[in-house]
Amino acid sequence: FRRSAFLQINHTLYNRMKLCGDWFFYTLLCEQGDVLRIAKAYTNYRVHPENSSQRAEYEGRSFLEGLNILDYICKRIKTNPLNYSAVWAKQWVKYEKKYQFSADINKQIKQRIFKTHRLIFCYYYLYRLHYQRKKAYGNF
């Protein structure tokens, strides 16, 4: 990215993020001009259980902080909830199962999503129902 685009970013916004700062930084950077998506990974990183990012995933804190970025994007772009709700709901179900969020974290997530993203909330329950049926009856 160009240095001029970097200098135009409000750095205090993403500096306050503890877990998803990189994602938010790129969101802010995208607002500075055209974006080209390259569908090839040019970096990789090692993940281990003691990694703070991994702990944050297991505790659900990354998902909660990611909702702040989603809120920002929705306010700035005025996107249709149909464009993102199903994806976020599926991710929520996946993370909930994979990391077994605590009841407190799930309550926080539900409260946050219900306030501003009710369609995600609806899709979440549909996906949970789907996965429960699939688990109970197998693939049909």
Protein backbone atom coordinates (compact mmCIF):
# COMPACT_ATOMS: atom_id res chain seq x y z
CA PHE A 1 0.00 0.00 0.00
CA ARG A 2 1.09 3.55 -0.51
CA ARG A 3 2.55 5.54 2.35
CA SER A 4 0.10 8.37 1.63
CA ALA A 5 -2.83 5.98 2.24
CA PHE A 6 -1.22 4.81 5.47
CA LEU A 7 -0.81 8.39 6.69
CA GLN A 8 -4.49 9.19 6.06
CA ILE A 9 -5.71 6.43 8.39
CA ASN A 10 -7.01 7.28 11.85
CA HIS A 11 -4.54 5.13 13.74
CA THR A 12 -6.21 5.59 17.13
CA LEU A 13 -9.14 3.47 15.91
CA TYR A 14 -7.16 0.33 15.23
CA ASN A 15 -4.54 0.90 17.93
CA ARG A 16 -7.27 0.30 20.54
CA MET A 17 -7.92 -3.18 19.19
CA LYS A 18 -6.13 -5.99 20.99
CA LEU A 19 -6.96 -8.97 18.79
CA CYS A 20 -8.26 -7.93 15.37
CA GLY A 21 -6.18 -4.80 14.79
CA ASP A 22 -4.68 -6.13 11.57
CA TRP A 23 -8.11 -6.84 10.09
CA PHE A 24 -9.35 -3.40 11.12
CA PHE A 25 -6.19 -1.73 9.78
CA TYR A 26 -6.80 -3.31 6.37
CA THR A 27 -10.44 -2.23 6.52
CA LEU A 28 -9.35 1.36 7.15
CA LEU A 29 -6.73 1.08 4.43
CA CYS A 30 -9.34 -0.14 1.92
CA GLU A 31 -11.28 3.07 2.48
CA GLN A 32 -8.35 5.01 1.01
CA GLY A 33 -8.75 3.76 -2.54
CA ASP A 34 -9.16 0.85 -4.90
CA VAL A 35 -8.49 -2.66 -3.68
CA LEU A 36 -7.10 -5.59 -5.61
CA ARG A 37 -7.76 -9.02 -4.18
CA ILE A 38 -5.12 -11.66 -4.79
CA ALA A 39 -6.44 -15.11 -3.93
CA LYS A 40 -3.08 -16.57 -2.99
CA ALA A 41 -1.46 -16.71 0.44
CA TYR A 42 1.89 -14.91 0.53
CA THR A 43 2.47 -15.36 4.25
CA ASN A 44 2.02 -18.04 6.82
CA TYR A 45 2.33 -18.14 10.54
CA ARG A 46 2.66 -20.73 13.24
CA VAL A 47 -0.18 -21.27 15.70
CA HIS A 48 0.37 -22.99 19.03
CA PRO A 49 -1.90 -23.41 22.09
CA GLU A 50 0.01 -20.85 24.19
CA ASN A 51 -0.38 -18.21 21.48
CA SER A 52 -2.42 -15.24 22.79
CA SER A 53 -4.43 -15.16 19.56
CA GLN A 54 -5.32 -18.81 19.98
CA ARG A 55 -6.41 -18.25 23.60
CA ALA A 56 -8.53 -15.30 22.47
CA GLU A 57 -10.21 -17.53 19.87
CA TYR A 58 -10.99 -20.17 22.50
CA GLU A 59 -12.35 -17.55 24.87
CA GLY A 60 -14.50 -15.94 22.15
CA ARG A 61 -12.85 -12.55 22.59
CA SER A 62 -11.72 -12.43 18.94
CA PHE A 63 -15.25 -13.03 17.75
CA LEU A 64 -16.54 -10.22 19.99
CA GLU A 65 -13.87 -7.80 18.79
CA GLY A 66 -14.60 -8.80 15.20
CA LEU A 67 -18.18 -7.62 15.76
CA ASN A 68 -16.80 -4.11 16.37
CA ILE A 69 -15.25 -4.21 12.91
CA LEU A 70 -18.45 -5.52 11.38
CA ASP A 71 -20.35 -2.65 13.04
CA TYR A 72 -17.85 -0.15 11.63
CA ILE A 73 -18.10 -1.58 8.13
CA CYS A 74 -21.90 -1.63 8.23
CA LYS A 75 -22.06 2.01 9.35
CA ARG A 76 -19.57 3.19 6.73
CA ILE A 77 -20.73 1.17 3.74
CA LYS A 78 -24.45 0.77 4.50
CA THR A 79 -24.35 -2.79 3.23
CA ASN A 80 -27.36 -5.06 3.01
CA PRO A 81 -27.45 -7.53 5.95
CA LEU A 82 -28.12 -10.33 3.45
CA ASN A 83 -24.56 -9.80 2.20
CA TYR A 84 -22.93 -10.87 5.46
CA SER A 85 -25.43 -12.36 7.92
CA ALA A 86 -25.34 -15.99 6.80
CA VAL A 87 -21.53 -16.03 6.75
CA TRP A 88 -21.23 -14.53 10.23
CA ALA A 89 -23.88 -16.89 11.63
CA LYS A 90 -22.12 -19.92 10.18
CA GLN A 91 -18.82 -18.70 11.61
CA TRP A 92 -20.44 -18.18 15.01
CA VAL A 93 -21.79 -21.74 15.06
CA LYS A 94 -18.44 -23.10 13.89
CA TYR A 95 -16.47 -21.17 16.53
CA GLU A 96 -18.96 -22.01 19.25
CA LYS A 97 -18.57 -25.74 18.52
CA LYS A 98 -14.82 -25.68 17.94
CA TYR A 99 -13.88 -23.54 20.94
CA GLN A 100 -16.81 -24.32 23.26
CA PHE A 101 -17.40 -20.73 24.31
CA SER A 102 -18.36 -20.17 27.91
CA ALA A 103 -21.97 -19.35 28.73
CA ASP A 104 -20.89 -15.80 29.63
CA ILE A 105 -19.17 -15.20 26.28
CA ASN A 106 -22.12 -16.68 24.38
CA LYS A 107 -24.44 -14.37 26.30
CA GLN A 108 -22.29 -11.35 25.39
CA ILE A 109 -22.22 -12.37 21.74
CA LYS A 110 -25.99 -12.90 21.66
CA GLN A 111 -26.66 -9.54 23.28
CA ARG A 112 -24.35 -7.72 20.85
CA ILE A 113 -25.71 -9.43 17.76
CA PHE A 114 -29.34 -9.12 18.79
CA LYS A 115 -28.96 -5.34 19.21
CA THR A 116 -27.54 -4.58 15.78
CA HIS A 117 -27.53 -7.69 13.58
CA ARG A 118 -30.78 -9.55 14.10
CA LEU A 119 -30.52 -11.39 10.80
CA ILE A 120 -27.26 -12.99 11.98
CA PHE A 121 -29.16 -14.04 15.09
CA CYS A 122 -31.87 -15.70 12.97
CA TYR A 123 -29.38 -17.49 10.73
CA TYR A 124 -27.45 -18.63 13.80
CA TYR A 125 -30.46 -20.51 15.15
CA LEU A 126 -31.19 -22.01 11.76
CA TYR A 127 -27.62 -23.27 11.41
CA ARG A 128 -27.59 -24.64 14.96
CA LEU A 129 -30.81 -26.49 14.25
CA HIS A 130 -29.35 -27.83 10.99
CA TYR A 131 -26.18 -29.08 12.66
CA GLN A 132 -28.12 -30.63 15.54
CA ARG A 133 -30.36 -32.52 13.10
CA LYS A 134 -27.36 -33.56 11.06
CA LYS A 135 -25.63 -34.84 14.20
CA ALA A 136 -28.73 -36.69 15.39
CA TYR A 137 -29.77 -38.26 12.08
CA GLY A 138 -26.58 -38.22 10.03
CA ASN A 139 -26.41 -36.92 6.49
CA PHE A 140 -29.70 -37.35 4.66
